[in-house]
């Protein structure tokens, strides 16, 4: 299973960004999806996750300025972050699981390659 993340780049503080993740192929709806990020020298941290029904949990570091959604028809999951800060600079990873939906990275069997987000002050 190959996850393809995109949408990262260099932005300025205060900007918004939408990250996308897709899994080509049938039965996208069977995956629970999540976003994580990792900054240099820091542990990987959960951003949020979205279950099979579309229920979301965004209690991570961008809580209150982010939205998470999925489009099963087009095999896409989206993470939109508003009011970006320099401390949001990280590689953002999407992950998928057929059996787990939650905040632990260990629960996800499939991972994308990551997309770099750099926020300048």
N, C-alpha and C. Protein backbone atom coordinates (compact mmCIF):
# COMPACT_ATOMS: atom_id res chain seq x y z
N UNK A 1 0.86 -1.19 0.00
CA UNK A 1 0.00 0.00 0.00
C UNK A 1 0.89 1.23 0.00
N UNK A 2 0.72 2.08 -0.98
CA UNK A 2 1.54 3.29 -1.09
C UNK A 2 0.71 4.51 -0.82
N UNK A 3 1.15 5.28 0.18
CA UNK A 3 0.51 6.54 0.49
C UNK A 3 1.30 7.67 -0.17
N UNK A 4 0.60 8.62 -0.71
CA UNK A 4 1.26 9.74 -1.38
C UNK A 4 0.80 11.03 -0.73
N UNK A 5 1.71 11.68 -0.05
CA UNK A 5 1.42 12.95 0.61
C UNK A 5 1.94 14.10 -0.25
N UNK A 6 1.22 15.20 -0.22
CA UNK A 6 1.63 16.37 -0.99
C UNK A 6 1.08 17.63 -0.33
N UNK A 7 1.54 18.77 -0.83
CA UNK A 7 1.01 20.04 -0.37
C UNK A 7 1.93 20.85 0.52
N UNK A 8 3.07 20.27 0.88
CA UNK A 8 4.01 21.02 1.71
C UNK A 8 4.72 22.09 0.92
N UNK A 9 5.50 22.87 1.62
CA UNK A 9 6.25 23.92 0.96
C UNK A 9 6.72 24.96 1.95
N UNK A 10 7.20 26.05 1.41
CA UNK A 10 7.67 27.17 2.22
C UNK A 10 6.57 28.22 2.30
N UNK A 11 6.15 28.53 3.50
CA UNK A 11 5.10 29.53 3.70
C UNK A 11 5.54 30.51 4.78
N UNK A 12 4.79 31.56 4.92
CA UNK A 12 5.08 32.56 5.94
C UNK A 12 4.17 32.35 7.14
N UNK A 13 4.65 32.80 8.26
CA UNK A 13 3.84 32.74 9.47
C UNK A 13 2.51 33.44 9.24
N UNK A 14 1.45 32.78 9.69
CA UNK A 14 0.12 33.33 9.51
C UNK A 14 -0.61 32.78 8.30
N UNK A 15 0.13 32.15 7.40
CA UNK A 15 -0.49 31.57 6.22
C UNK A 15 -1.26 30.31 6.57
N UNK A 16 -2.01 29.81 5.59
CA UNK A 16 -2.70 28.53 5.70
C UNK A 16 -2.12 27.57 4.66
N UNK A 17 -2.29 26.30 4.95
CA UNK A 17 -1.76 25.29 4.07
C UNK A 17 -2.70 24.09 4.10
N UNK A 18 -2.87 23.44 2.94
CA UNK A 18 -3.64 22.21 2.91
C UNK A 18 -2.75 21.07 2.43
N UNK A 19 -2.61 20.08 3.26
CA UNK A 19 -1.87 18.89 2.91
C UNK A 19 -2.85 17.82 2.44
N UNK A 20 -2.42 17.05 1.46
CA UNK A 20 -3.26 15.99 0.91
C UNK A 20 -2.55 14.65 1.00
N UNK A 21 -3.33 13.61 1.09
CA UNK A 21 -2.76 12.27 1.12
C UNK A 21 -3.73 11.35 0.38
N UNK A 22 -3.18 10.50 -0.45
CA UNK A 22 -4.02 9.59 -1.20
C UNK A 22 -3.44 8.17 -1.15
N UNK A 23 -4.30 7.22 -1.30
CA UNK A 23 -3.90 5.82 -1.48
C UNK A 23 -4.57 5.36 -2.77
N UNK A 24 -3.80 5.23 -3.82
CA UNK A 24 -4.40 4.78 -5.09
C UNK A 24 -4.99 3.38 -4.95
N UNK A 25 -6.08 3.16 -5.68
CA UNK A 25 -6.66 1.83 -5.69
C UNK A 25 -8.03 1.81 -5.05
N UNK A 26 -8.64 0.64 -5.04
CA UNK A 26 -10.01 0.52 -4.53
C UNK A 26 -10.05 0.49 -3.00
N UNK A 27 -11.25 0.64 -2.48
CA UNK A 27 -11.53 0.44 -1.06
C UNK A 27 -10.79 1.41 -0.15
N UNK A 28 -10.69 2.66 -0.56
CA UNK A 28 -10.04 3.65 0.29
C UNK A 28 -10.76 3.78 1.62
N UNK A 29 -12.07 3.56 1.61
CA UNK A 29 -12.85 3.74 2.82
C UNK A 29 -12.49 2.73 3.92
N UNK A 30 -11.76 1.69 3.59
CA UNK A 30 -11.41 0.71 4.62
C UNK A 30 -10.23 1.15 5.48
N UNK A 31 -9.65 2.29 5.16
CA UNK A 31 -8.51 2.80 5.92
C UNK A 31 -8.92 3.91 6.87
N UNK A 32 -8.51 3.78 8.11
CA UNK A 32 -8.48 4.92 9.00
C UNK A 32 -7.17 5.66 8.72
N UNK A 33 -7.21 6.98 8.77
CA UNK A 33 -6.06 7.78 8.35
C UNK A 33 -5.62 8.70 9.48
N UNK A 34 -4.36 9.06 9.43
CA UNK A 34 -3.82 9.95 10.46
C UNK A 34 -2.70 10.80 9.86
N UNK A 35 -2.45 11.90 10.52
CA UNK A 35 -1.32 12.76 10.18
C UNK A 35 -0.42 12.88 11.40
N UNK A 36 0.88 12.78 11.14
CA UNK A 36 1.91 12.99 12.15
C UNK A 36 2.90 14.01 11.62
N UNK A 37 3.73 14.50 12.50
CA UNK A 37 4.82 15.36 12.05
C UNK A 37 6.04 15.11 12.90
N UNK A 38 7.17 15.45 12.32
CA UNK A 38 8.43 15.31 13.05
C UNK A 38 9.36 16.44 12.67
N UNK A 39 9.84 17.13 13.68
CA UNK A 39 10.82 18.19 13.49
C UNK A 39 12.20 17.65 13.84
N UNK A 40 13.25 18.25 13.29
CA UNK A 40 14.61 17.77 13.61
C UNK A 40 14.87 17.76 15.10
N UNK A 41 15.34 16.65 15.59
CA UNK A 41 15.68 16.54 17.00
C UNK A 41 14.51 16.31 17.92
N UNK A 42 13.33 16.16 17.36
CA UNK A 42 12.14 15.96 18.19
C UNK A 42 11.49 14.62 17.87
N UNK A 43 10.68 14.17 18.81
CA UNK A 43 9.93 12.95 18.60
C UNK A 43 8.79 13.21 17.60
N UNK A 44 8.39 12.15 16.91
CA UNK A 44 7.23 12.24 16.04
C UNK A 44 5.99 12.49 16.91
N UNK A 45 5.10 13.36 16.44
CA UNK A 45 3.90 13.65 17.21
C UNK A 45 2.66 13.56 16.34
N UNK A 46 1.59 13.17 16.96
CA UNK A 46 0.32 13.03 16.26
C UNK A 46 -0.30 14.41 16.04
N UNK A 47 -0.79 14.63 14.84
CA UNK A 47 -1.56 15.83 14.53
C UNK A 47 -3.04 15.55 14.74
N UNK A 48 -3.51 14.49 14.12
CA UNK A 48 -4.90 14.10 14.25
C UNK A 48 -5.18 12.86 13.44
N UNK A 49 -6.37 12.30 13.65
CA UNK A 49 -6.74 11.11 12.91
C UNK A 49 -8.22 11.17 12.56
N UNK A 50 -8.55 10.43 11.51
CA UNK A 50 -9.93 10.39 11.02
C UNK A 50 -10.29 8.93 10.77
N UNK A 51 -11.40 8.53 11.33
CA UNK A 51 -11.80 7.15 11.26
C UNK A 51 -12.59 6.80 10.01
N UNK A 52 -13.06 5.58 9.97
CA UNK A 52 -13.77 5.08 8.79
C UNK A 52 -15.07 5.83 8.55
N UNK A 53 -15.69 6.29 9.63
CA UNK A 53 -16.96 7.01 9.50
C UNK A 53 -16.76 8.48 9.22
N UNK A 54 -15.53 8.94 9.29
CA UNK A 54 -15.26 10.36 9.12
C UNK A 54 -15.11 11.13 10.41
N UNK A 55 -15.28 10.44 11.53
CA UNK A 55 -15.10 11.12 12.82
C UNK A 55 -13.63 11.50 12.99
N UNK A 56 -13.41 12.70 13.48
CA UNK A 56 -12.04 13.21 13.57
C UNK A 56 -11.64 13.49 15.01
N UNK A 57 -10.36 13.47 15.20
CA UNK A 57 -9.77 13.87 16.47
C UNK A 57 -8.56 14.72 16.14
N UNK A 58 -8.59 15.97 16.58
CA UNK A 58 -7.50 16.90 16.30
C UNK A 58 -7.04 17.54 17.59
N UNK A 59 -6.62 16.75 18.52
CA UNK A 59 -6.19 17.25 19.82
C UNK A 59 -4.67 17.42 19.92
N UNK A 60 -4.01 17.42 18.78
CA UNK A 60 -2.57 17.56 18.77
C UNK A 60 -2.14 19.02 18.78
N UNK A 61 -0.93 19.30 18.33
CA UNK A 61 -0.33 20.63 18.45
C UNK A 61 -0.98 21.70 17.59
N UNK A 62 -1.83 21.36 16.64
CA UNK A 62 -2.49 22.39 15.83
C UNK A 62 -3.98 22.42 16.13
N UNK A 63 -4.32 21.96 17.31
CA UNK A 63 -5.71 21.98 17.75
C UNK A 63 -6.27 23.40 17.71
N UNK A 64 -7.47 23.52 17.17
CA UNK A 64 -8.13 24.81 17.13
C UNK A 64 -7.82 25.65 15.90
N UNK A 65 -6.85 25.23 15.11
CA UNK A 65 -6.52 25.96 13.88
C UNK A 65 -6.28 24.98 12.73
N UNK A 66 -6.98 23.87 12.78
CA UNK A 66 -6.82 22.87 11.74
C UNK A 66 -8.13 22.13 11.50
N UNK A 67 -8.25 21.59 10.32
CA UNK A 67 -9.38 20.72 10.00
C UNK A 67 -8.86 19.48 9.29
N UNK A 68 -9.55 18.40 9.48
CA UNK A 68 -9.18 17.13 8.89
C UNK A 68 -10.42 16.56 8.23
N UNK A 69 -10.29 16.13 6.99
CA UNK A 69 -11.44 15.61 6.27
C UNK A 69 -11.00 14.52 5.31
N UNK A 70 -11.97 13.76 4.85
CA UNK A 70 -11.66 12.73 3.86
C UNK A 70 -12.72 12.73 2.77
N UNK A 71 -12.29 12.33 1.59
CA UNK A 71 -13.15 12.22 0.42
C UNK A 71 -12.94 10.82 -0.12
N UNK A 72 -13.79 9.90 0.29
CA UNK A 72 -13.61 8.51 -0.10
C UNK A 72 -13.81 8.31 -1.60
N UNK A 73 -14.64 9.14 -2.20
CA UNK A 73 -14.88 8.99 -3.63
C UNK A 73 -13.61 9.24 -4.44
N UNK A 74 -12.81 10.17 -3.97
CA UNK A 74 -11.57 10.52 -4.67
C UNK A 74 -10.31 10.02 -3.97
N UNK A 75 -10.49 9.15 -2.99
CA UNK A 75 -9.34 8.54 -2.29
C UNK A 75 -8.42 9.59 -1.66
N UNK A 76 -8.99 10.58 -1.01
CA UNK A 76 -8.17 11.65 -0.48
C UNK A 76 -8.48 11.91 0.99
N UNK A 77 -7.45 12.30 1.72
CA UNK A 77 -7.63 12.86 3.05
C UNK A 77 -6.88 14.18 3.10
N UNK A 78 -7.46 15.16 3.74
CA UNK A 78 -6.92 16.52 3.75
C UNK A 78 -6.69 16.99 5.18
N UNK A 79 -5.56 17.66 5.35
CA UNK A 79 -5.27 18.35 6.61
C UNK A 79 -5.03 19.81 6.28
N UNK A 80 -5.90 20.65 6.77
CA UNK A 80 -5.72 22.09 6.57
C UNK A 80 -5.31 22.73 7.89
N UNK A 81 -4.25 23.52 7.82
CA UNK A 81 -3.76 24.21 9.00
C UNK A 81 -3.77 25.70 8.73
N UNK A 82 -4.33 26.43 9.66
CA UNK A 82 -4.39 27.89 9.55
C UNK A 82 -3.40 28.51 10.53
N UNK A 83 -3.17 29.81 10.31
CA UNK A 83 -2.32 30.57 11.24
C UNK A 83 -1.02 29.83 11.55
N UNK A 84 -0.34 29.43 10.50
CA UNK A 84 0.89 28.66 10.69
C UNK A 84 1.94 29.46 11.45
N UNK A 85 2.71 28.73 12.25
CA UNK A 85 3.76 29.33 13.08
C UNK A 85 5.10 28.69 12.71
N UNK A 86 6.19 29.37 12.98
CA UNK A 86 7.50 28.77 12.70
C UNK A 86 7.68 27.41 13.38
N UNK A 87 7.09 27.22 14.55
CA UNK A 87 7.22 25.93 15.24
C UNK A 87 6.42 24.81 14.58
N UNK A 88 5.63 25.14 13.55
CA UNK A 88 4.96 24.11 12.77
C UNK A 88 5.88 23.52 11.71
N UNK A 89 7.06 24.07 11.57
CA UNK A 89 8.02 23.54 10.61
C UNK A 89 8.37 22.10 10.95
N UNK A 90 8.15 21.21 9.99
CA UNK A 90 8.36 19.78 10.23
C UNK A 90 8.12 19.02 8.93
N UNK A 91 8.47 17.76 8.95
CA UNK A 91 8.02 16.85 7.90
C UNK A 91 6.70 16.25 8.37
N UNK A 92 5.71 16.35 7.52
CA UNK A 92 4.37 15.86 7.85
C UNK A 92 4.14 14.53 7.12
N UNK A 93 3.68 13.55 7.89
CA UNK A 93 3.47 12.21 7.36
C UNK A 93 2.00 11.82 7.48
N UNK A 94 1.49 11.18 6.44
CA UNK A 94 0.18 10.55 6.59
C UNK A 94 0.38 9.05 6.80
N UNK A 95 -0.56 8.46 7.48
CA UNK A 95 -0.49 7.05 7.81
C UNK A 95 -1.87 6.44 7.68
N UNK A 96 -1.91 5.13 7.47
CA UNK A 96 -3.18 4.44 7.26
C UNK A 96 -3.19 3.10 7.97
N UNK A 97 -4.37 2.70 8.36
CA UNK A 97 -4.55 1.39 8.97
C UNK A 97 -5.93 0.85 8.63
N UNK A 98 -5.98 -0.45 8.44
CA UNK A 98 -7.27 -1.10 8.21
C UNK A 98 -7.94 -1.47 9.52
N UNK A 99 -7.17 -1.45 10.61
CA UNK A 99 -7.72 -1.97 11.85
C UNK A 99 -7.60 -1.03 13.05
N UNK A 100 -6.91 0.08 12.89
CA UNK A 100 -6.66 0.96 14.03
C UNK A 100 -6.97 2.40 13.67
N UNK A 101 -7.60 3.09 14.60
CA UNK A 101 -7.81 4.53 14.47
C UNK A 101 -7.54 5.14 15.83
N UNK A 102 -6.44 5.88 15.91
CA UNK A 102 -6.07 6.44 17.20
C UNK A 102 -4.80 7.24 17.09
N UNK A 103 -4.26 7.69 18.22
CA UNK A 103 -3.11 8.59 18.20
C UNK A 103 -1.74 7.92 18.16
N UNK A 104 -1.67 6.63 18.26
CA UNK A 104 -0.37 5.96 18.31
C UNK A 104 0.15 5.61 16.94
N UNK A 105 1.35 6.07 16.66
CA UNK A 105 1.96 5.73 15.38
C UNK A 105 2.15 4.24 15.18
N UNK A 106 2.34 3.54 16.28
CA UNK A 106 2.56 2.10 16.19
C UNK A 106 1.35 1.36 15.65
N UNK A 107 0.20 2.00 15.68
CA UNK A 107 -1.02 1.34 15.23
C UNK A 107 -1.20 1.35 13.72
N UNK A 108 -0.42 2.13 13.03
CA UNK A 108 -0.61 2.30 11.58
C UNK A 108 0.40 1.47 10.81
N UNK A 109 -0.12 0.66 9.89
CA UNK A 109 0.75 -0.23 9.12
C UNK A 109 1.40 0.46 7.93
N UNK A 110 0.75 1.48 7.42
CA UNK A 110 1.20 2.06 6.16
C UNK A 110 1.50 3.55 6.34
N UNK A 111 2.61 3.97 5.72
CA UNK A 111 3.08 5.34 5.88
C UNK A 111 3.46 5.95 4.53
N UNK A 112 3.21 7.26 4.42
CA UNK A 112 3.67 7.99 3.26
C UNK A 112 5.10 8.44 3.44
N UNK A 113 5.62 9.08 2.42
CA UNK A 113 7.03 9.47 2.42
C UNK A 113 7.28 10.78 3.16
N UNK A 114 6.23 11.50 3.46
CA UNK A 114 6.38 12.77 4.16
C UNK A 114 6.45 13.94 3.20
N UNK A 115 5.95 15.06 3.66
CA UNK A 115 6.04 16.30 2.89
C UNK A 115 6.53 17.39 3.83
N UNK A 116 7.52 18.13 3.39
CA UNK A 116 8.16 19.15 4.23
C UNK A 116 7.33 20.42 4.26
N UNK A 117 7.08 20.90 5.45
CA UNK A 117 6.45 22.20 5.64
C UNK A 117 7.45 23.08 6.38
N UNK A 118 7.75 24.22 5.81
CA UNK A 118 8.66 25.18 6.42
C UNK A 118 7.95 26.51 6.55
N UNK A 119 7.88 27.00 7.78
CA UNK A 119 7.18 28.25 8.06
C UNK A 119 8.20 29.30 8.45
N UNK A 120 8.30 30.34 7.67
CA UNK A 120 9.25 31.42 7.96
C UNK A 120 8.57 32.50 8.78
N UNK A 121 9.36 33.12 9.61
CA UNK A 121 8.80 34.16 10.49
C UNK A 121 8.84 35.52 9.84
